[in-house]
Amino acid sequence: MSQENLNPFAIAQQQLDEAARILKLDEATHQMLRWPVRELHVSLPVRMDDGSIQVFKGFRVQYNDSRGPTKGGIRFHPAETIDTVRALAAWMTWKTAVVDIPLGGGKGGVICNPKEMSKYELERLSRQYIRQVGRLIGPAKDVPAPDVYTTPQIMSWMMDEFYWQQGYNAFGVITGKPLAIGGSKGRGDATARGGVFCVREACKKLDIDPTKVTYAVQGFGNAGQFAATLMKELLGADKLVAVSDSRSGVYSADGLDPEKLVEYKLKNGKVSGFPGAESISNEELLELDVDVLIPAALENQITADNAARIKARISAELANGPTTPEADKILYDRNVFVIPDFLCNAGGVTVSYFEQVQNAYNYYWTIDDVYKRLDQKMTDAFRNVYENSLEYSVDMRKAAYIVAVSRVAEAMKLRGWV
């Protein structure tokens, strides 16, 4: 076993440090970018259905707002940590910069297990969170969104709580809302759709026929499910051979029907037992001989311990932080083309930004408008990062950092922060 540091914030700082070295950033700018500009830790007393009071711990991190209001999701997870939230806020800073939208990076989290909570307990927790962080958020300050185990319904409760605090509707304070209260068309599949656009562009650069690719998806939540179906719908991808969720995985050399598999998952809550498929572990899935691997689960899935066994030609990171720095080096040496997380999964924040824009002037776009604008943003960002990877002779992750960090550093300097 390797001894690499798997702390997500340490990894985020290490990745930044490498970009700062390449860009020859001055020390003050470098140090300013290594840490959040502000963060809030909160205690959230919630009355449970049995009448007891349970106190949950929560966080909101605003990493950097030099390019605009901070933006980032809220996660409800039993293993949430402040360092994970810091790392995600940092990656969101680079994500908004790499796709060149006028926002900064933020993130929030609550340590809880939503799977063990009733709908009413989740509502009380959601409202309590906004009571504590509401003073720091707003359309011109910080705009939260859904993330792991949070939903459009949870966003609705949070937006409504902000309404009661402020005394007026401010739909733009939260994105990822249902359409009936200011949500944007196209938000549901935006993360996966943006990632598939990136896969399409990578296939062009690598001279791969997308209609003949085999692919596997690790993590079968919202993003993973849409990725499975959109690879076939948008690219005509030949064969989905494996998927896994938090409980199990399924594999078929003959291919799995993406739409039927999603239907099965939604009905049964798991992928195991899918007809015509055999069982496969998360670890085995990552090492399959496929053209496109889509890590869409959690952090630190590809490490120094298994990177040498990754056989995919393209790794399209829909998850945040699925690959460690040590693994990155190994994959690059082995010519695995990694589409880094904060580029590959930026479709979600891009359409969230579109939602903010629509909220601001109270006019809503068609689904075709959203998809067209998303395609343009993702394609431009991919090509810009790819060109920088060639110019600096670095992997795509370092190139994405070069693009994003230089944009944030320029904004800080122009504003006189450093």
Protein backbone atom coordinates (compact mmCIF):
# COMPACT_ATOMS: atom_id res chain seq x y z
CA MET A 1 0.00 0.00 0.00
CA SER A 2 1.21 3.51 -0.81
CA GLN A 3 1.61 6.22 1.81
CA GLU A 4 0.12 9.07 -0.24
CA ASN A 5 -1.97 11.69 1.55
CA LEU A 6 -5.66 11.18 0.75
CA ASN A 7 -6.90 14.28 2.56
CA PRO A 8 -8.92 16.00 -0.20
CA PHE A 9 -7.91 19.53 0.79
CA ALA A 10 -4.23 18.58 0.95
CA ILE A 11 -4.66 17.15 -2.56
CA ALA A 12 -6.36 20.35 -3.76
CA GLN A 13 -3.50 22.43 -2.33
CA GLN A 14 -0.90 20.12 -3.88
CA GLN A 15 -2.55 20.48 -7.30
CA LEU A 16 -2.62 24.27 -6.90
CA ASP A 17 1.03 24.35 -5.82
CA GLU A 18 2.07 22.64 -9.05
CA ALA A 19 0.09 25.14 -11.14
CA ALA A 20 1.57 28.04 -9.17
CA ARG A 21 5.07 26.71 -9.90
CA ILE A 22 4.36 26.45 -13.64
CA LEU A 23 2.78 29.92 -13.72
CA LYS A 24 5.54 31.38 -11.51
CA LEU A 25 2.94 33.00 -9.23
CA ASP A 26 4.22 35.47 -6.67
CA GLU A 27 4.13 34.18 -3.09
CA ALA A 28 1.29 36.43 -1.89
CA THR A 29 -1.03 35.36 -4.71
CA HIS A 30 -0.10 31.73 -4.20
CA GLN A 31 -0.81 31.83 -0.47
CA MET A 32 -4.08 33.69 -0.99
CA LEU A 33 -5.22 30.91 -3.32
CA ARG A 34 -4.25 28.11 -0.94
CA TRP A 35 -6.94 28.95 1.63
CA PRO A 36 -10.62 29.98 1.73
CA VAL A 37 -11.31 33.69 2.13
CA ARG A 38 -13.94 32.79 4.75
CA GLU A 39 -15.74 29.82 6.26
CA LEU A 40 -18.57 29.31 8.74
CA HIS A 41 -19.03 26.40 11.14
CA VAL A 42 -22.54 25.97 12.54
CA SER A 43 -24.44 23.81 15.05
CA LEU A 44 -27.94 22.88 13.92
CA PRO A 45 -30.43 21.72 16.59
CA VAL A 46 -33.24 19.79 14.91
CA ARG A 47 -36.35 18.33 16.55
CA MET A 48 -36.67 14.75 15.37
CA ASP A 49 -39.96 12.95 14.77
CA ASP A 50 -39.72 11.19 18.14
CA GLY A 51 -39.57 14.56 19.94
CA SER A 52 -35.86 14.45 20.73
CA ILE A 53 -33.41 17.18 19.74
CA GLN A 54 -30.39 16.19 17.66
CA VAL A 55 -27.57 18.66 17.03
CA PHE A 56 -25.96 18.41 13.59
CA LYS A 57 -22.70 20.06 12.53
CA GLY A 58 -22.58 22.02 9.31
CA PHE A 59 -20.23 24.17 7.23
CA ARG A 60 -20.24 26.80 4.51
CA VAL A 61 -16.97 27.69 2.81
CA GLN A 62 -16.56 30.65 0.47
CA TYR A 63 -13.21 29.94 -1.13
CA ASN A 64 -12.66 32.87 -3.48
CA ASP A 65 -15.05 35.54 -4.77
CA SER A 66 -12.67 37.71 -6.82
CA ARG A 67 -14.48 36.82 -10.09
CA GLY A 68 -18.02 37.07 -8.70
CA PRO A 69 -20.40 35.63 -6.07
CA THR A 70 -19.34 32.25 -4.75
CA LYS A 71 -21.23 29.23 -6.04
CA GLY A 72 -21.36 25.66 -4.85
CA GLY A 73 -23.47 22.79 -3.64
CA ILE A 74 -24.54 21.60 -0.21
CA ARG A 75 -23.87 17.99 0.73
CA PHE A 76 -25.73 15.96 3.36
CA HIS A 77 -23.41 13.07 4.18
CA PRO A 78 -22.52 11.11 7.35
CA ALA A 79 -18.78 11.28 6.55
CA GLU A 80 -18.69 14.99 5.69
CA THR A 81 -15.60 16.88 6.89
CA ILE A 82 -14.49 20.49 6.76
CA ASP A 83 -11.46 19.51 4.67
CA THR A 84 -13.70 17.85 2.08
CA VAL A 85 -15.85 20.99 1.93
CA ARG A 86 -12.73 23.19 1.63
CA ALA A 87 -11.42 21.04 -1.22
CA LEU A 88 -14.74 21.10 -3.04
CA ALA A 89 -14.95 24.88 -2.63
CA ALA A 90 -11.45 25.20 -4.08
CA TRP A 91 -12.32 22.94 -7.02
CA MET A 92 -15.50 24.98 -7.58
CA THR A 93 -13.35 28.12 -7.77
CA TRP A 94 -11.29 26.53 -10.55
CA LYS A 95 -14.40 25.04 -12.16
CA THR A 96 -16.20 28.38 -12.63
CA ALA A 97 -12.96 29.93 -13.88
CA VAL A 98 -12.12 27.18 -16.37
CA VAL A 99 -15.52 27.49 -18.10
CA ASP A 100 -15.22 31.29 -17.77
CA ILE A 101 -18.43 32.14 -15.94
CA PRO A 102 -18.40 35.18 -13.60
CA LEU A 103 -18.59 33.34 -10.29
CA GLY A 104 -16.29 32.23 -7.49
CA GLY A 105 -16.21 28.95 -5.60
CA GLY A 106 -18.04 27.84 -2.47
CA LYS A 107 -19.35 24.68 -0.86
CA GLY A 108 -21.47 23.58 2.06
CA GLY A 109 -22.07 20.44 4.02
CA VAL A 110 -23.93 18.93 6.96
CA ILE A 111 -22.80 15.81 8.81
CA CYS A 112 -25.93 13.64 8.73
CA ASN A 113 -27.33 10.49 7.19
CA PRO A 114 -30.33 11.56 5.10
CA LYS A 115 -31.17 7.94 4.33
CA GLU A 116 -32.11 7.52 8.01
CA MET A 117 -34.16 10.73 8.23
CA SER A 118 -37.82 11.33 7.44
CA LYS A 119 -39.00 13.96 4.97
CA TYR A 120 -40.05 16.21 7.85
CA GLU A 121 -36.71 15.85 9.64
CA LEU A 122 -34.90 16.74 6.40
CA GLU A 123 -37.08 19.82 5.97
CA ARG A 124 -36.38 21.00 9.52
CA LEU A 125 -32.65 20.41 9.01
CA SER A 126 -32.66 22.25 5.67
CA ARG A 127 -34.43 25.27 7.12
CA GLN A 128 -32.18 25.31 10.18
CA TYR A 129 -29.13 25.35 7.93
CA ILE A 130 -30.39 28.45 6.11
CA ARG A 131 -31.23 30.14 9.43
CA GLN A 132 -27.55 29.85 10.31
CA VAL A 133 -25.88 30.58 6.96
CA GLY A 134 -28.55 32.89 5.50
CA ARG A 135 -26.62 36.00 6.53
CA LEU A 136 -23.75 34.94 4.26
CA ILE A 137 -25.70 33.96 1.14
CA GLY A 138 -27.70 35.76 -1.55
CA PRO A 139 -27.76 36.19 -5.34
CA ALA A 140 -24.93 38.75 -5.15
CA LYS A 141 -23.02 36.97 -2.35
CA ASP A 142 -23.09 33.18 -2.44
CA VAL A 143 -25.48 30.84 -4.26
CA PRO A 144 -25.84 27.25 -2.99
CA ALA A 145 -27.06 24.30 -5.06
CA PRO A 146 -27.75 20.56 -4.63
CA ASP A 147 -24.93 18.07 -4.24
CA VAL A 148 -24.54 14.60 -2.68
CA TYR A 149 -27.84 13.51 -1.07
CA THR A 150 -29.52 16.89 -1.52
CA THR A 151 -32.38 17.36 -3.96
CA PRO A 152 -34.52 19.99 -5.73
CA GLN A 153 -37.03 19.61 -2.86
CA ILE A 154 -34.34 20.42 -0.30
CA MET A 155 -33.33 23.43 -2.39
CA SER A 156 -36.99 24.53 -2.39
CA TRP A 157 -37.17 24.47 1.40
CA MET A 158 -33.89 26.37 1.66
CA MET A 159 -35.00 29.02 -0.84
CA ASP A 160 -38.30 29.40 1.02
CA GLU A 161 -36.53 29.81 4.35
CA PHE A 162 -34.41 32.58 2.83
CA TYR A 163 -37.66 34.18 1.63
CA TRP A 164 -39.00 34.25 5.19
CA GLN A 165 -35.73 35.76 6.46
CA GLN A 166 -35.64 38.51 3.83
CA GLY A 167 -39.34 39.16 3.30
CA TYR A 168 -39.22 38.89 -0.49
CA ASN A 169 -38.74 36.25 -3.18
CA ALA A 170 -35.12 35.87 -4.24
CA PHE A 171 -35.29 32.80 -6.45
CA GLY A 172 -31.67 33.32 -7.51
CA VAL A 173 -30.35 32.60 -4.00
CA ILE A 174 -30.47 28.84 -4.72
CA THR A 175 -30.09 26.90 -7.96
CA GLY A 176 -31.14 23.37 -8.79
CA LYS A 177 -34.74 24.29 -7.91
CA PRO A 178 -37.85 22.72 -9.45
CA LEU A 179 -39.10 24.44 -12.61
CA ALA A 180 -42.26 25.66 -10.85
CA ILE A 181 -40.23 27.99 -8.60
CA GLY A 182 -37.51 29.32 -10.85
CA GLY A 183 -35.52 26.28 -11.87
CA SER A 184 -33.91 25.98 -15.29
CA LYS A 185 -34.72 23.44 -17.95
CA GLY A 186 -31.76 21.17 -18.59
CA ARG A 187 -30.39 21.27 -15.03
CA GLY A 188 -31.16 17.63 -14.22
CA ASP A 189 -28.74 16.07 -16.70
CA ALA A 190 -26.37 19.05 -17.04
CA THR A 191 -23.38 17.54 -15.21
CA ALA A 192 -23.45 14.35 -17.26
CA ARG A 193 -24.29 16.13 -20.53
CA GLY A 194 -21.33 18.49 -20.10
CA GLY A 195 -19.09 15.50 -19.39
CA VAL A 196 -20.29 13.67 -22.51
CA PHE A 197 -19.57 16.79 -24.58
CA CYS A 198 -16.01 16.60 -23.20
CA VAL A 199 -15.76 12.90 -24.09
CA ARG A 200 -16.86 13.78 -27.62
CA GLU A 201 -14.09 16.39 -27.92
CA ALA A 202 -11.50 13.99 -26.44
CA CYS A 203 -12.46 11.36 -29.01
CA LYS A 204 -11.81 13.91 -31.77
CA LYS A 205 -8.35 14.71 -30.41
CA LEU A 206 -7.45 11.05 -29.92
CA ASP A 207 -8.94 9.94 -33.27
CA ILE A 208 -11.40 7.57 -31.58
CA ASP A 209 -14.73 6.73 -33.21
CA PRO A 210 -17.27 7.40 -30.40
CA THR A 211 -19.79 5.02 -31.96
CA LYS A 212 -17.41 2.13 -31.32
CA VAL A 213 -16.38 2.85 -27.72
CA THR A 214 -17.05 0.61 -24.77
CA TYR A 215 -17.58 2.34 -21.43
CA ALA A 216 -18.09 1.73 -17.72
CA VAL A 217 -19.62 3.96 -15.06
CA GLN A 218 -18.52 3.89 -11.43
CA GLY A 219 -21.19 5.54 -9.29
CA PHE A 220 -24.79 5.27 -10.43
CA GLY A 221 -26.43 8.29 -8.88
CA ASN A 222 -27.86 11.18 -10.87
CA ALA A 223 -24.72 11.99 -12.87
CA GLY A 224 -23.79 8.36 -13.47
CA GLN A 225 -27.27 7.41 -14.65
CA PHE A 226 -27.47 10.28 -17.12
CA ALA A 227 -23.92 9.59 -18.31
CA ALA A 228 -24.85 5.98 -19.06
CA THR A 229 -27.81 6.99 -21.23
CA LEU A 230 -26.30 10.12 -22.82
CA MET A 231 -23.16 8.33 -24.02
CA LYS A 232 -25.46 6.27 -26.22
CA GLU A 233 -27.95 9.05 -27.03
CA LEU A 234 -25.47 11.82 -27.91
CA LEU A 235 -22.45 9.87 -29.16
CA GLY A 236 -23.96 6.58 -30.26
CA ALA A 237 -21.47 4.80 -27.96
CA ASP A 238 -21.39 1.11 -28.75
CA LYS A 239 -21.53 -0.66 -25.43
CA LEU A 240 -22.02 -0.01 -21.70
CA VAL A 241 -20.30 -2.99 -20.10
CA ALA A 242 -20.45 -2.23 -16.37
CA VAL A 243 -21.88 0.08 -13.70
CA SER A 244 -21.59 0.15 -9.93
CA ASP A 245 -23.31 1.92 -7.07
CA SER A 246 -22.52 2.21 -3.36
CA ARG A 247 -23.78 -1.33 -2.77
CA SER A 248 -22.69 -3.42 -5.74
CA GLY A 249 -21.88 -3.55 -9.43
CA VAL A 250 -23.00 -5.40 -12.56
CA TYR A 251 -21.09 -6.42 -15.69
CA SER A 252 -21.86 -7.89 -19.08
CA ALA A 253 -19.35 -8.35 -21.88
CA ASP A 254 -22.29 -8.26 -24.31
CA GLY A 255 -23.40 -4.87 -23.04
CA LEU A 256 -26.04 -3.50 -20.69
CA ASP A 257 -29.10 -1.54 -21.81
CA PRO A 258 -28.55 1.90 -20.18
CA GLU A 259 -32.21 2.93 -20.06
CA LYS A 260 -33.41 -0.40 -18.67
CA LEU A 261 -30.61 -0.35 -16.09
CA VAL A 262 -31.58 3.14 -14.91
CA GLU A 263 -35.22 2.04 -14.68
CA TYR A 264 -34.15 -1.01 -12.66
CA LYS A 265 -32.01 1.12 -10.31
CA LEU A 266 -34.81 3.62 -9.68
CA LYS A 267 -37.28 0.81 -8.99
CA ASN A 268 -35.05 -1.37 -6.80
CA GLY A 269 -32.63 1.14 -5.28
CA LYS A 270 -29.63 -0.89 -6.47
CA VAL A 271 -28.12 -2.33 -9.64
CA SER A 272 -27.37 -5.82 -8.30
CA GLY A 273 -29.67 -8.48 -9.68
CA PHE A 274 -30.09 -6.79 -13.05
CA PRO A 275 -31.15 -9.54 -15.49
CA GLY A 276 -28.42 -10.90 -17.74
CA ALA A 277 -25.55 -9.35 -15.77
CA GLU A 278 -22.95 -10.78 -13.44
CA SER A 279 -21.64 -9.20 -10.25
CA ILE A 280 -18.56 -6.96 -10.26
CA SER A 281 -16.87 -4.93 -7.53
CA ASN A 282 -16.02 -1.23 -7.67
CA GLU A 283 -12.34 -2.11 -7.79
CA GLU A 284 -12.79 -4.56 -10.66
CA LEU A 285 -14.87 -2.08 -12.63
CA LEU A 286 -12.15 0.57 -12.49
CA GLU A 287 -9.66 -1.86 -14.03
CA LEU A 288 -11.82 -3.06 -16.93
CA ASP A 289 -10.42 -2.90 -20.46
CA VAL A 290 -12.78 -0.22 -21.80
CA ASP A 291 -12.34 2.83 -24.00
CA VAL A 292 -14.01 5.27 -21.60
CA LEU A 293 -14.07 4.99 -17.81
CA ILE A 294 -16.46 7.37 -16.04
CA PRO A 295 -15.69 7.75 -12.31
CA ALA A 296 -18.92 9.31 -10.99
CA ALA A 297 -18.75 8.33 -7.31
CA LEU A 298 -16.64 9.98 -4.58
CA GLU A 299 -13.05 11.10 -3.98
CA ASN A 300 -9.86 9.02 -4.09
CA GLN A 301 -11.05 6.09 -6.22
CA ILE A 302 -7.98 5.94 -8.46
CA THR A 303 -4.81 6.03 -6.37
CA ALA A 304 -1.16 5.03 -6.59
CA ASP A 305 -2.27 1.54 -5.57
CA ASN A 306 -4.46 0.83 -8.63
CA ALA A 307 -3.51 3.44 -11.27
CA ALA A 308 -1.08 1.08 -13.01
CA ARG A 309 -3.96 -1.33 -13.64
CA ILE A 310 -6.29 1.23 -15.26
CA LYS A 311 -6.74 0.18 -18.90
CA ALA A 312 -9.20 2.81 -20.16
CA ARG A 313 -8.06 5.17 -22.92
CA ILE A 314 -10.13 8.04 -21.49
CA SER A 315 -11.05 8.70 -17.86
CA ALA A 316 -13.92 11.20 -17.73
CA GLU A 317 -14.15 12.42 -14.15
CA LEU A 318 -17.76 13.24 -13.30
CA ALA A 319 -16.97 12.85 -9.60
CA ASN A 320 -15.01 15.46 -7.66
CA GLY A 321 -11.45 14.41 -6.87
CA PRO A 322 -11.61 10.75 -7.95
CA THR A 323 -7.90 10.63 -8.88
CA THR A 324 -4.99 11.39 -6.54
CA PRO A 325 -1.88 13.34 -7.65
CA GLU A 326 0.29 10.22 -7.51
CA ALA A 327 -2.22 8.36 -9.67
CA ASP A 328 -2.29 11.26 -12.13
CA LYS A 329 1.42 10.83 -12.79
CA ILE A 330 1.02 7.11 -13.42
CA LEU A 331 -1.96 7.58 -15.74
CA TYR A 332 -0.16 10.28 -17.73
CA ASP A 333 2.90 8.07 -18.18
CA ARG A 334 0.62 5.28 -19.40
CA ASN A 335 -1.16 7.57 -21.91
CA VAL A 336 -4.54 7.45 -20.16
CA PHE A 337 -6.26 10.67 -21.23
CA VAL A 338 -7.83 12.14 -18.08
CA ILE A 339 -10.56 14.76 -18.48
CA PRO A 340 -10.17 16.41 -15.06
CA ASP A 341 -13.09 16.75 -12.70
CA PHE A 342 -13.44 20.51 -12.60
CA LEU A 343 -13.61 20.59 -16.40
CA CYS A 344 -15.51 17.36 -17.03
CA ASN A 345 -18.26 17.93 -14.45
CA ALA A 346 -18.58 21.70 -14.95
CA GLY A 347 -21.84 21.29 -16.87
CA GLY A 348 -23.75 21.35 -13.60
CA VAL A 349 -22.45 24.70 -12.39
CA THR A 350 -22.71 26.11 -15.91
CA VAL A 351 -26.44 25.43 -16.11
CA SER A 352 -26.79 26.60 -12.50
CA TYR A 353 -25.26 29.87 -13.69
CA PHE A 354 -27.79 29.90 -16.54
CA GLU A 355 -30.49 29.45 -13.88
CA GLN A 356 -29.15 32.46 -11.96
CA VAL A 357 -29.21 34.54 -15.15
CA GLN A 358 -32.80 33.53 -15.89
CA ASN A 359 -33.85 34.28 -12.30
CA ALA A 360 -32.21 37.71 -12.47
CA TYR A 361 -34.19 38.95 -15.43
CA ASN A 362 -37.25 36.75 -14.90
CA TYR A 363 -37.25 35.26 -18.37
CA TYR A 364 -36.73 31.56 -18.99
CA TRP A 365 -35.04 29.77 -21.88
CA THR A 366 -36.12 26.78 -23.94
CA ILE A 367 -34.40 23.45 -23.43
CA ASP A 368 -32.72 23.84 -26.83
CA ASP A 369 -31.30 27.22 -25.76
CA VAL A 370 -29.85 25.68 -22.59
CA TYR A 371 -28.28 22.71 -24.38
CA LYS A 372 -26.84 24.88 -27.16
CA ARG A 373 -25.25 27.32 -24.70
CA LEU A 374 -23.95 24.45 -22.52
CA ASP A 375 -22.37 22.73 -25.53
CA GLN A 376 -20.63 25.96 -26.54
CA LYS A 377 -19.29 26.62 -23.04
CA MET A 378 -18.00 23.07 -22.51
CA THR A 379 -16.49 22.81 -26.00
CA ASP A 380 -14.68 26.15 -25.68
CA ALA A 381 -13.37 25.21 -22.23
CA PHE A 382 -12.16 21.77 -23.36
CA ARG A 383 -10.34 23.19 -26.38
CA ASN A 384 -8.72 25.94 -24.30
CA VAL A 385 -7.46 23.42 -21.74
CA TYR A 386 -6.27 21.04 -24.46
CA GLU A 387 -4.30 23.82 -26.18
CA ASN A 388 -2.63 24.69 -22.87
CA SER A 389 -1.75 21.03 -22.29
CA LEU A 390 0.12 21.07 -25.60
CA GLU A 391 1.73 24.48 -25.01
CA TYR A 392 3.05 23.55 -21.56
CA SER A 393 3.55 19.80 -22.29
CA VAL A 394 1.47 18.82 -19.25
CA ASP A 395 -1.53 16.59 -18.56
CA MET A 396 -5.05 17.93 -18.86
CA ARG A 397 -5.45 18.51 -15.11
CA LYS A 398 -2.39 20.74 -14.90
CA ALA A 399 -3.55 22.52 -18.04
CA ALA A 400 -6.98 23.12 -16.52
CA TYR A 401 -5.31 24.54 -13.40
CA ILE A 402 -3.14 26.80 -15.56
CA VAL A 403 -6.25 28.22 -17.26
CA ALA A 404 -8.31 28.59 -14.07
CA VAL A 405 -5.64 29.80 -11.65
CA SER A 406 -4.36 32.42 -14.08
CA ARG A 407 -7.90 33.83 -14.43
CA VAL A 408 -8.50 33.99 -10.67
CA ALA A 409 -5.03 35.45 -10.02
CA GLU A 410 -5.63 38.14 -12.65
CA ALA A 411 -8.94 39.12 -11.01
CA MET A 412 -7.31 39.39 -7.56
CA LYS A 413 -4.49 41.54 -8.91
CA LEU A 414 -6.85 43.86 -10.80
CA ARG A 415 -8.91 44.33 -7.65
CA GLY A 416 -5.83 45.11 -5.60
CA TRP A 417 -6.09 42.10 -3.28
CA VAL A 418 -2.44 41.20 -3.79
